[in-house]
Protein backbone atom coordinates (compact mmCIF):
# COMPACT_ATOMS: atom_id res chain seq x y z
CA MET A 1 19.32 -22.05 -37.65
CA ALA A 2 18.15 -19.53 -35.09
CA ARG A 3 17.74 -20.77 -31.42
CA ILE A 4 14.26 -20.42 -30.03
CA LEU A 5 14.24 -18.96 -26.44
CA ASP A 6 11.58 -20.91 -24.60
CA GLY A 7 9.60 -18.63 -22.37
CA VAL A 8 7.24 -21.24 -21.19
CA ALA A 9 10.19 -23.40 -19.86
CA ILE A 10 11.89 -20.37 -18.24
CA ALA A 11 8.58 -19.26 -16.70
CA LYS A 12 8.11 -22.77 -15.26
CA ALA A 13 11.53 -22.67 -13.58
CA ILE A 14 10.79 -19.20 -12.04
CA ARG A 15 7.46 -20.39 -10.73
CA GLU A 16 9.11 -23.40 -9.18
CA GLU A 17 11.68 -21.10 -7.51
CA VAL A 18 8.87 -18.89 -6.20
CA ALA A 19 6.96 -21.84 -4.86
CA GLU A 20 10.06 -22.78 -2.97
CA GLU A 21 10.52 -19.33 -1.46
CA VAL A 22 6.83 -19.37 -0.45
CA ARG A 23 7.37 -22.60 1.44
CA GLU A 24 10.39 -21.07 3.14
CA LEU A 25 8.42 -18.08 4.23
CA SER A 26 5.46 -20.21 5.41
CA GLY A 27 8.02 -21.91 7.84
CA ARG A 28 8.56 -18.41 9.39
CA GLY A 29 4.81 -17.74 9.59
CA VAL A 30 4.61 -15.52 6.44
CA ARG A 31 2.26 -16.11 3.58
CA PRO A 32 2.58 -13.62 0.80
CA GLY A 33 -0.60 -12.02 -0.34
CA LEU A 34 -1.73 -10.55 -3.71
CA ALA A 35 -4.91 -8.37 -4.25
CA ALA A 36 -6.13 -8.37 -7.81
CA VAL A 37 -8.63 -5.62 -8.62
CA LEU A 38 -10.71 -6.13 -11.85
CA VAL A 39 -13.13 -3.41 -12.78
CA GLY A 40 -16.16 -4.23 -14.85
CA ASN A 41 -16.72 -7.02 -17.29
CA VAL A 42 -13.86 -7.14 -19.86
CA PRO A 43 -13.53 -10.78 -21.19
CA ALA A 44 -9.82 -10.48 -22.12
CA SER A 45 -8.99 -8.99 -18.64
CA GLU A 46 -11.13 -11.41 -16.88
CA ILE A 47 -9.13 -14.31 -18.42
CA TYR A 48 -5.77 -12.60 -17.62
CA VAL A 49 -6.67 -11.85 -14.09
CA ARG A 50 -8.13 -15.20 -13.33
CA SER A 51 -5.00 -16.85 -14.72
CA LYS A 52 -2.88 -14.77 -12.14
CA VAL A 53 -5.20 -15.82 -9.25
CA GLN A 54 -4.88 -19.38 -10.31
CA THR A 55 -1.26 -19.28 -10.40
CA CYS A 56 -1.14 -17.72 -7.00
CA GLY A 57 -3.13 -20.69 -5.63
CA GLU A 58 -0.65 -23.14 -7.38
CA LEU A 59 2.32 -21.46 -5.75
CA GLY A 60 0.81 -21.09 -2.28
CA ILE A 61 0.35 -17.27 -2.42
CA PHE A 62 -2.81 -15.97 -0.92
CA SER A 63 -4.91 -13.96 -3.36
CA ASP A 64 -7.97 -11.88 -3.09
CA LEU A 65 -9.89 -10.93 -6.18
CA ILE A 66 -11.77 -7.66 -5.94
CA THR A 67 -14.35 -6.85 -8.68
CA PRO A 68 -15.81 -3.32 -8.49
CA GLN A 69 -18.70 -2.49 -11.02
CA ALA A 70 -17.93 -0.95 -14.26
CA ASP A 71 -19.48 2.41 -13.08
CA VAL A 72 -17.22 2.70 -10.11
CA THR A 73 -15.94 6.24 -9.44
CA THR A 74 -12.20 7.34 -9.02
CA GLU A 75 -13.01 8.38 -5.35
CA SER A 76 -14.42 4.83 -4.57
CA MET A 77 -11.52 3.21 -6.18
CA LEU A 78 -9.07 5.37 -4.19
CA GLU A 79 -10.84 4.28 -0.93
CA LEU A 80 -10.33 0.73 -1.99
CA VAL A 81 -6.64 1.14 -2.69
CA ASP A 82 -6.27 3.07 0.54
CA LEU A 83 -7.88 0.04 2.42
CA LEU A 84 -5.70 -2.50 0.49
CA ASN A 85 -2.53 -0.38 1.38
CA ARG A 86 -3.44 -0.79 5.13
CA ARG A 87 -4.18 -4.54 4.89
CA GLU A 88 -1.30 -6.54 6.52
CA ASP A 89 -2.29 -9.70 4.67
CA ILE A 90 -1.74 -8.04 1.35
CA ASP A 91 1.87 -7.62 0.07
CA GLY A 92 1.03 -6.84 -3.57
CA ILE A 93 -1.71 -4.86 -5.21
CA LEU A 94 -2.40 -5.41 -8.87
CA ILE A 95 -5.09 -3.06 -10.79
CA GLN A 96 -5.86 -4.72 -14.06
CA LEU A 97 -5.74 -2.11 -16.99
CA PRO A 98 -7.38 -0.61 -18.77
CA LEU A 99 -9.77 0.93 -16.46
CA PRO A 100 -13.16 2.51 -17.59
CA ALA A 101 -12.92 5.99 -18.92
CA GLN A 102 -14.37 7.83 -15.83
CA VAL A 103 -11.58 6.45 -13.47
CA ASP A 104 -8.31 8.41 -13.34
CA THR A 105 -5.87 5.80 -13.94
CA LYS A 106 -2.79 7.83 -13.07
CA ARG A 107 -4.36 8.92 -9.72
CA LEU A 108 -5.01 5.38 -8.89
CA LEU A 109 -1.74 3.93 -9.74
CA ASP A 110 0.07 6.84 -7.80
CA ALA A 111 -2.12 5.94 -4.78
CA VAL A 112 -0.79 2.35 -4.40
CA ALA A 113 1.88 2.18 -1.76
CA PRO A 114 5.23 1.84 -3.56
CA GLU A 115 6.14 -1.23 -1.39
CA LYS A 116 3.01 -3.04 -2.63
CA ASP A 117 3.33 -1.82 -6.29
CA VAL A 118 4.06 -5.36 -7.80
CA ASP A 119 3.42 -3.88 -11.24
CA GLY A 120 6.35 -1.54 -10.82
CA PHE A 121 4.32 1.41 -12.23
CA HIS A 122 4.75 3.85 -9.24
CA PRO A 123 6.86 6.84 -9.93
CA VAL A 124 8.87 5.95 -6.65
CA ASN A 125 9.80 2.49 -8.01
CA ALA A 126 10.49 4.04 -11.49
CA GLY A 127 13.00 6.42 -9.68
CA ARG A 128 14.47 3.57 -7.59
CA LEU A 129 15.03 1.56 -10.75
CA GLN A 130 16.68 4.40 -12.57
CA ALA A 131 18.97 4.99 -9.52
CA GLY A 132 19.84 1.41 -9.40
CA ARG A 133 18.31 0.85 -5.91
CA PRO A 134 16.31 -2.07 -4.75
CA ALA A 135 12.86 -1.80 -6.48
CA LEU A 136 9.86 -3.63 -7.77
CA ALA A 137 10.58 -3.62 -11.55
CA PRO A 138 7.72 -3.88 -14.13
CA CYS A 139 7.09 -7.58 -14.82
CA THR A 140 7.39 -7.62 -18.60
CA PRO A 141 10.94 -5.96 -18.89
CA ALA A 142 12.05 -8.01 -15.67
CA GLY A 143 11.03 -11.16 -17.67
CA VAL A 144 13.12 -9.90 -20.68
CA ILE A 145 16.11 -9.90 -18.52
CA GLN A 146 15.45 -13.29 -17.13
CA ILE A 147 14.99 -14.81 -20.66
CA LEU A 148 18.43 -13.37 -21.63
CA LYS A 149 20.27 -14.47 -18.52
CA ARG A 150 18.72 -17.95 -18.21
CA SER A 151 19.43 -18.58 -21.96
CA GLN A 152 22.99 -17.54 -21.56
CA ILE A 153 22.71 -14.62 -23.95
CA PRO A 154 25.62 -12.19 -23.16
CA ILE A 155 24.32 -8.74 -22.16
CA ALA A 156 27.48 -6.77 -20.86
CA GLY A 157 29.01 -4.85 -23.54
CA GLN A 158 26.41 -5.62 -26.11
CA HIS A 159 24.42 -3.04 -28.04
CA ALA A 160 20.78 -3.33 -27.02
CA VAL A 161 18.28 -1.45 -29.22
CA ILE A 162 14.70 -1.13 -27.96
CA VAL A 163 11.92 -0.02 -30.41
CA GLY A 164 9.24 1.45 -28.15
CA ARG A 165 9.40 4.05 -25.25
CA SER A 166 6.39 3.19 -22.97
CA ASP A 167 6.68 3.65 -19.25
CA ILE A 168 5.54 -0.04 -18.90
CA VAL A 169 8.11 -1.76 -21.15
CA GLY A 170 10.49 0.38 -23.19
CA LYS A 171 11.86 2.70 -20.55
CA PRO A 172 12.20 0.16 -17.74
CA ALA A 173 13.75 -2.33 -20.13
CA ALA A 174 16.39 0.27 -21.05
CA MET A 175 17.25 0.86 -17.42
CA LEU A 176 17.57 -2.88 -16.58
CA LEU A 177 19.73 -3.56 -19.62
CA LEU A 178 21.90 -0.58 -18.59
CA HIS A 179 22.30 -2.09 -15.11
CA GLU A 180 23.43 -5.24 -16.82
CA ASN A 181 26.08 -3.07 -18.55
CA ALA A 182 24.67 -3.11 -22.13
CA THR A 183 25.00 -0.04 -24.29
CA VAL A 184 21.37 0.95 -24.88
CA THR A 185 19.67 2.91 -27.56
CA ILE A 186 15.93 3.64 -27.47
CA CYS A 187 13.93 4.17 -30.59
CA HIS A 188 10.30 5.12 -31.24
CA SER A 189 7.90 6.31 -34.02
CA LYS A 190 9.85 9.57 -34.49
CA THR A 191 13.37 8.00 -34.74
CA ARG A 192 14.98 8.83 -38.12
CA GLU A 193 16.76 6.14 -40.13
CA LEU A 194 15.30 3.45 -37.87
CA PRO A 195 16.41 0.38 -39.86
CA GLU A 196 20.05 1.71 -39.82
CA ILE A 197 19.91 1.78 -36.05
CA THR A 198 18.19 -1.52 -35.52
CA ARG A 199 20.72 -3.29 -37.86
CA GLN A 200 23.46 -2.29 -35.28
CA ALA A 201 21.59 -4.16 -32.39
CA ASP A 202 23.17 -7.36 -30.79
CA ILE A 203 20.03 -7.47 -28.84
CA LEU A 204 16.82 -5.98 -30.33
CA VAL A 205 13.74 -5.67 -28.16
CA ALA A 206 10.45 -4.77 -30.01
CA ALA A 207 7.87 -3.15 -28.02
CA ILE A 208 6.10 -0.81 -30.28
CA GLY A 209 2.62 -2.48 -30.52
CA ARG A 210 2.68 -2.70 -34.30
CA ALA A 211 2.11 -6.17 -36.01
CA GLY A 212 5.27 -7.31 -37.84
CA PHE A 213 6.82 -3.87 -37.58
CA ILE A 214 10.45 -5.17 -37.43
CA THR A 215 11.24 -6.74 -40.88
CA PRO A 216 14.24 -8.85 -41.97
CA GLU A 217 16.25 -6.08 -43.36
CA MET A 218 16.18 -4.30 -40.00
CA VAL A 219 17.84 -7.19 -38.25
CA LYS A 220 21.60 -7.68 -37.91
CA PRO A 221 22.50 -11.13 -38.83
CA GLY A 222 22.87 -13.32 -35.63
CA ALA A 223 21.15 -10.85 -33.40
CA THR A 224 19.03 -11.92 -30.46
CA LEU A 225 15.33 -10.81 -31.06
CA ILE A 226 13.07 -10.23 -28.04
CA ASP A 227 9.49 -9.74 -29.22
CA VAL A 228 7.32 -8.24 -26.62
CA GLY A 229 4.38 -7.51 -28.97
CA ILE A 230 0.94 -9.31 -28.90
CA ASN A 231 -1.21 -8.38 -32.04
CA ARG A 232 -4.31 -10.17 -32.89
CA ILE A 233 -4.83 -11.10 -36.62
CA THR A 234 -8.42 -11.73 -38.01
CA GLU A 235 -8.05 -10.77 -41.56
CA ARG A 236 -7.00 -13.18 -44.21
CA ALA A 237 -4.70 -10.74 -46.00
CA ASP A 238 -2.89 -9.98 -42.70
CA PHE A 239 -2.51 -13.80 -42.06
CA ASP A 240 -0.97 -14.32 -45.56
CA ARG A 241 1.41 -11.49 -44.99
CA PHE A 242 2.84 -13.09 -41.95
CA PHE A 243 2.22 -16.79 -42.02
CA LYS A 244 1.66 -17.84 -45.68
CA GLY A 245 3.01 -21.33 -46.02
CA ASP A 246 2.90 -22.03 -42.18
CA LEU A 247 0.54 -25.16 -42.21
CA LYS A 248 0.23 -25.24 -38.42
CA ARG A 249 -0.80 -21.77 -38.11
CA GLU A 250 -3.03 -22.21 -41.21
CA GLU A 251 -4.96 -25.13 -39.46
CA SER A 252 -5.41 -23.02 -36.25
CA PHE A 253 -6.49 -19.86 -38.11
CA ALA A 254 -9.07 -21.89 -40.24
CA LYS A 255 -10.42 -23.32 -36.95
CA ARG A 256 -10.57 -20.07 -34.84
CA GLY A 257 -10.48 -17.18 -37.32
CA THR A 258 -7.69 -15.53 -35.38
CA THR A 259 -4.08 -15.81 -34.46
CA ILE A 260 -1.48 -13.56 -32.86
CA VAL A 261 1.73 -12.18 -34.19
CA GLY A 262 4.36 -10.08 -32.35
CA ASP A 263 6.00 -6.82 -33.28
CA ILE A 264 8.68 -8.60 -35.25
CA HIS A 265 7.82 -10.16 -38.76
CA PRO A 266 8.27 -13.99 -38.53
CA ALA A 267 10.52 -13.86 -41.60
CA ALA A 268 13.02 -11.91 -39.55
CA PHE A 269 13.71 -14.82 -37.28
CA LYS A 270 15.56 -16.46 -40.19
CA THR A 271 18.23 -13.85 -39.79
CA ALA A 272 18.48 -14.09 -35.95
CA GLY A 273 20.92 -15.94 -33.76
CA ALA A 274 18.17 -16.41 -31.18
CA TYR A 275 14.53 -15.21 -30.81
CA THR A 276 11.42 -15.37 -28.42
CA PRO A 277 8.45 -16.76 -30.35
CA VAL A 278 4.90 -15.40 -30.09
CA PRO A 279 3.23 -17.01 -28.34
CA GLY A 280 5.47 -18.81 -25.94
CA GLY A 281 8.12 -16.11 -25.46
CA VAL A 282 7.93 -13.09 -23.31
CA GLY A 283 4.25 -13.56 -22.51
CA PRO A 284 4.62 -16.42 -19.84
CA LEU A 285 7.28 -14.42 -18.06
CA THR A 286 4.86 -11.63 -17.11
CA ILE A 287 2.83 -13.60 -14.74
CA ALA A 288 5.86 -15.49 -13.46
CA MET A 289 7.68 -12.17 -12.54
CA LEU A 290 4.36 -10.84 -10.98
CA MET A 291 4.61 -13.90 -8.65
CA ALA A 292 8.25 -13.18 -7.97
CA ASN A 293 7.50 -9.51 -7.27
CA THR A 294 4.83 -10.45 -4.81
CA VAL A 295 7.22 -12.69 -2.85
CA ARG A 296 9.89 -10.06 -3.06
CA ALA A 297 7.50 -7.50 -1.75
CA ALA A 298 6.55 -9.67 1.19
CA LYS A 299 10.25 -10.07 2.07
CA MET A 300 11.05 -6.28 1.66
CA ARG A 301 8.07 -5.19 3.77
CA ARG A 302 9.22 -7.44 6.59
CA GLY A 303 12.95 -6.64 6.23
CA LEU A 304 13.71 -10.36 5.36
């Protein structure tokens, strides 16, 4: 039977380590600070950002939630970022995406000072990551590495296949795995003979944003499956395609009318040696690594 890689437990351990680091910094007169910028009223984003702010409070990190109106201009946002760049009590700047259409997202993210870029999106941090230099890595890929390491999954010498080439997950995950001495293949929507390649993977990372895209016949027996996808299911036909016979899911779906599935079809987990569930796998690591990045930024800015 495949081993479930418990992201909730791993995230809890990381948060406890971060809280200890915060206490140590406090003894030196330093309190890490995170500014969270949430534009407009997007319910899903509001829930996500407030959970980040709440986690800051639990760990002793100072947080400042800033909520510009939905009609804010790019210039106003750039002025806000400039102010946050200059604030000494702020070590990390988080700009919740997506932004309204009238805001130039690329200009805004590029304006964040690299040393405060706790999301790891800035081109300077991307370059440092590629070069193997100290950098703030994107939170989700960093969480993937922590899941593998803390679950004692071998990385060095393994063939890691990543399905998805985004700047936020796919590409940085490839760099991080390379730095851990994996042999890495990146696949995407234009890759030919994709199942043939994924069946070679000792570690298969699915980050393509398509519900149940990785099917059992695409998985090497005994492989470790890392499912980064979060796809909401609301149609009965889709539910039956992924979860027919799952009584626990059935009860939840009947009550809420919705459930989530990753980028890996649940049936593929039976072929795996280990896998991250959805929910409860990679997701919890994203906020934990954001907290870790904020503390790391506080230390790096002060040369600690």
